[in-house]
Amino acid sequence: METEAAKLIGGGLAAIGMIGAGVGVGNVWAQLISAVGRNPAAKNSVELYAWIGFAVTEAIALYALVVAFIILFVF
């Protein structure tokens, strides 16, 4: 296998991690909407945890993107 082809395959496989992050972000917001729908008075206490969950989940996508770029452009 050529080196360039292996780099492209490796970068594509590393970018698959962003799919999981997209599912996770969707799950965080869906659960926030569900919680606020059940108890609107708890919006302020639940919303902080939703933003923290969003930030942590989005960080996973950024890590996957950085690894994909490292595979493509450094090696």
C-alpha atoms as a PDB file:
ATOM      1  CA  MET A   1       0.000   0.000   0.000  1.00  0.00           C
ATOM      2  CA  GLU A   2       1.280   3.426  -0.831  1.00  0.00           C
ATOM      3  CA  THR A   3       2.083   5.815   1.989  1.00  0.00           C
ATOM      4  CA  GLU A   4      -0.283   8.501   0.721  1.00  0.00           C
ATOM      5  CA  ALA A   5      -3.190   6.055   0.556  1.00  0.00           C
ATOM      6  CA  ALA A   6      -2.466   4.852   4.101  1.00  0.00           C
ATOM      7  CA  LYS A   7      -2.456   8.462   5.341  1.00  0.00           C
ATOM      8  CA  LEU A   8      -5.837   9.148   3.757  1.00  0.00           C
ATOM      9  CA  ILE A   9      -7.351   5.975   5.191  1.00  0.00           C
ATOM     10  CA  GLY A  10      -5.929   6.729   8.648  1.00  0.00           C
ATOM     11  CA  GLY A  11      -7.207  10.313   8.567  1.00  0.00           C
ATOM     12  CA  GLY A  12     -10.654   9.129   7.554  1.00  0.00           C
ATOM     13  CA  LEU A  13     -10.745   6.550  10.326  1.00  0.00           C
ATOM     14  CA  ALA A  14      -9.664   9.152  12.883  1.00  0.00           C
ATOM     15  CA  ALA A  15     -12.428  11.491  11.718  1.00  0.00           C
ATOM     16  CA  ILE A  16     -15.040   8.828  12.489  1.00  0.00           C
ATOM     17  CA  GLY A  17     -14.823   9.967  16.119  1.00  0.00           C
ATOM     18  CA  MET A  18     -16.705  13.103  15.126  1.00  0.00           C
ATOM     19  CA  ILE A  19     -19.792  10.996  14.404  1.00  0.00           C
ATOM     20  CA  GLY A  20     -19.978   9.947  18.037  1.00  0.00           C
ATOM     21  CA  ALA A  21     -19.561  13.529  19.155  1.00  0.00           C
ATOM     22  CA  GLY A  22     -22.445  14.613  16.920  1.00  0.00           C
ATOM     23  CA  VAL A  23     -24.669  11.941  18.421  1.00  0.00           C
ATOM     24  CA  GLY A  24     -23.577  12.986  21.906  1.00  0.00           C
ATOM     25  CA  VAL A  25     -24.334  16.667  21.313  1.00  0.00           C
ATOM     26  CA  GLY A  26     -27.761  15.785  19.965  1.00  0.00           C
ATOM     27  CA  ASN A  27     -28.402  13.628  23.009  1.00  0.00           C
ATOM     28  CA  VAL A  28     -27.365  16.410  25.412  1.00  0.00           C
ATOM     29  CA  TRP A  29     -29.764  18.931  23.876  1.00  0.00           C
ATOM     30  CA  ALA A  30     -32.578  16.387  23.545  1.00  0.00           C
ATOM     31  CA  GLN A  31     -32.322  15.564  27.226  1.00  0.00           C
ATOM     32  CA  LEU A  32     -32.262  19.262  28.127  1.00  0.00           C
ATOM     33  CA  ILE A  33     -35.439  19.893  26.149  1.00  0.00           C
ATOM     34  CA  SER A  34     -37.051  16.862  27.773  1.00  0.00           C
ATOM     35  CA  ALA A  35     -36.072  17.965  31.281  1.00  0.00           C
ATOM     36  CA  VAL A  36     -37.292  21.532  30.777  1.00  0.00           C
ATOM     37  CA  GLY A  37     -40.496  20.235  29.238  1.00  0.00           C
ATOM     38  CA  ARG A  38     -41.178  18.113  32.315  1.00  0.00           C
ATOM     39  CA  ASN A  39     -40.213  20.759  34.871  1.00  0.00           C
ATOM     40  CA  PRO A  40     -39.871  24.310  33.500  1.00  0.00           C
ATOM     41  CA  ALA A  41     -38.945  25.685  36.931  1.00  0.00           C
ATOM     42  CA  ALA A  42     -35.701  23.668  36.887  1.00  0.00           C
ATOM     43  CA  LYS A  43     -34.424  25.312  33.690  1.00  0.00           C
ATOM     44  CA  ASN A  44     -31.722  27.393  35.354  1.00  0.00           C
ATOM     45  CA  SER A  45     -30.208  24.497  37.296  1.00  0.00           C
ATOM     46  CA  VAL A  46     -30.332  22.046  34.383  1.00  0.00           C
ATOM     47  CA  GLU A  47     -29.068  24.423  31.718  1.00  0.00           C
ATOM     48  CA  LEU A  48     -25.622  24.813  33.300  1.00  0.00           C
ATOM     49  CA  TYR A  49     -25.036  21.066  33.215  1.00  0.00           C
ATOM     50  CA  ALA A  50     -26.221  20.920  29.608  1.00  0.00           C
ATOM     51  CA  TRP A  51     -23.648  23.520  28.569  1.00  0.00           C
ATOM     52  CA  ILE A  52     -20.899  21.638  30.398  1.00  0.00           C
ATOM     53  CA  GLY A  53     -21.943  18.390  28.709  1.00  0.00           C
ATOM     54  CA  PHE A  54     -22.013  20.137  25.350  1.00  0.00           C
ATOM     55  CA  ALA A  55     -18.511  21.540  25.837  1.00  0.00           C
ATOM     56  CA  VAL A  56     -17.029  18.204  26.895  1.00  0.00           C
ATOM     57  CA  THR A  57     -18.697  16.360  24.034  1.00  0.00           C
ATOM     58  CA  GLU A  58     -17.586  18.955  21.514  1.00  0.00           C
ATOM     59  CA  ALA A  59     -14.017  18.657  22.815  1.00  0.00           C
ATOM     60  CA  ILE A  60     -14.059  15.010  21.777  1.00  0.00           C
ATOM     61  CA  ALA A  61     -14.864  16.060  18.209  1.00  0.00           C
ATOM     62  CA  LEU A  62     -12.009  18.561  18.240  1.00  0.00           C
ATOM     63  CA  TYR A  63      -9.586  15.890  19.472  1.00  0.00           C
ATOM     64  CA  ALA A  64     -10.662  13.581  16.647  1.00  0.00           C
ATOM     65  CA  LEU A  65     -10.208  16.379  14.122  1.00  0.00           C
ATOM     66  CA  VAL A  66      -6.739  17.220  15.433  1.00  0.00           C
ATOM     67  CA  VAL A  67      -5.673  13.572  15.277  1.00  0.00           C
ATOM     68  CA  ALA A  68      -6.961  13.325  11.701  1.00  0.00           C
ATOM     69  CA  PHE A  69      -4.999  16.444  10.702  1.00  0.00           C
ATOM     70  CA  ILE A  70      -1.864  15.148  12.403  1.00  0.00           C
ATOM     71  CA  ILE A  71      -2.135  11.879  10.498  1.00  0.00           C
ATOM     72  CA  LEU A  72      -2.703  13.687   7.202  1.00  0.00           C
ATOM     73  CA  PHE A  73      -0.130  16.457   7.428  1.00  0.00           C
ATOM     74  CA  VAL A  74       2.598  15.400   9.861  1.00  0.00           C
ATOM     75  CA  PHE A  75       3.283  11.776   9.029  1.00  0.00           C
END
